[in-house]
Amino acid sequence: LDLQCEGVESEMNHLLPAFSAEHAECSLQHDPLLFSCAGSSPKYQRLCPCRDYRKGQVALCRDCL
C-alpha cells in the first residue's frame, strides 16, 4: 500500500486496522473477533483485506467457523 508508518499500535477498536495520515500512524486490530470493515471515520483510512464470508455474515471468514 506504500504507507509510511511513523508508529504502529495495536488496540481493541472496531475502526481498526487503519492508517492515520495526520499522524502517519498505523493501527492494528488487537482482537480478531472485532476484525470488520463495517465502521468508518474521517480520521482513518481503513485497511481491509479481501476475504470470503458466508451469506448473512459479513465479519467472519469460512476458516473462522
Protein backbone atom coordinates (compact mmCIF):
# COMPACT_ATOMS: atom_id res chain seq x y z
CA LEU A 1 0.00 0.00 0.00
CA ASP A 2 3.06 2.22 0.12
CA LEU A 3 2.25 3.64 3.57
CA GLN A 4 4.99 5.15 5.70
CA CYS A 5 4.13 4.38 9.33
CA GLU A 6 5.94 6.53 11.88
CA GLY A 7 4.39 4.37 14.59
CA VAL A 8 2.40 1.15 14.92
CA GLU A 9 -0.01 0.35 17.73
CA SER A 10 -2.45 -2.45 18.43
CA GLU A 11 -5.73 -1.94 20.28
CA MET A 12 -9.31 -3.16 20.51
CA ASN A 13 -11.31 -0.75 18.35
CA HIS A 14 -13.98 -1.50 15.73
CA LEU A 15 -12.35 1.01 13.34
CA LEU A 16 -9.08 -0.90 13.09
CA PRO A 17 -6.98 -1.84 11.19
CA ALA A 18 -6.46 1.65 9.82
CA PHE A 19 -3.94 4.32 8.86
CA SER A 20 -3.97 7.87 10.20
CA ALA A 21 -2.46 10.18 7.57
CA GLU A 22 -2.49 13.10 10.02
CA HIS A 23 -0.13 11.30 12.42
CA ALA A 24 1.43 8.83 9.92
CA GLU A 25 0.41 6.07 12.31
CA CYS A 26 -0.71 2.52 11.56
CA SER A 27 -3.15 0.93 14.00
CA LEU A 28 -3.78 -2.80 14.08
CA GLN A 29 -6.74 -4.73 15.48
CA HIS A 30 -5.81 -6.49 18.74
CA ASP A 31 -8.98 -8.62 18.99
CA PRO A 32 -9.61 -10.86 15.93
CA LEU A 33 -13.34 -11.05 16.81
CA LEU A 34 -13.64 -7.27 16.21
CA PHE A 35 -11.97 -7.50 12.80
CA SER A 36 -14.50 -5.92 10.45
CA CYS A 37 -14.69 -3.27 7.77
CA ALA A 38 -18.17 -2.06 8.69
CA GLY A 39 -17.11 1.08 10.62
CA SER A 40 -15.70 4.29 9.21
CA SER A 41 -14.21 7.52 10.47
CA PRO A 42 -12.85 10.64 8.72
CA LYS A 43 -9.79 10.26 11.00
CA TYR A 44 -8.71 6.94 9.46
CA GLN A 45 -8.06 5.32 6.12
CA ARG A 46 -9.34 1.78 6.68
CA LEU A 47 -7.07 -1.16 5.82
CA CYS A 48 -9.34 -4.07 4.97
CA PRO A 49 -8.33 -7.34 3.33
CA CYS A 50 -10.29 -9.22 0.71
CA ARG A 51 -11.84 -12.26 2.39
CA ASP A 52 -14.58 -14.78 1.97
CA TYR A 53 -17.73 -14.86 4.09
CA ARG A 54 -20.97 -16.72 4.40
CA LYS A 55 -24.27 -15.20 3.36
CA GLY A 56 -25.57 -13.05 6.21
CA GLN A 57 -22.15 -12.97 7.92
CA VAL A 58 -20.00 -10.06 6.80
CA ALA A 59 -17.31 -10.27 9.52
CA LEU A 60 -16.49 -13.99 9.72
CA CYS A 61 -14.38 -15.84 7.19
CA ARG A 62 -15.10 -19.52 6.43
CA ASP A 63 -11.99 -20.70 8.28
CA CYS A 64 -13.08 -18.74 11.37
CA LEU A 65 -16.09 -21.01 11.99
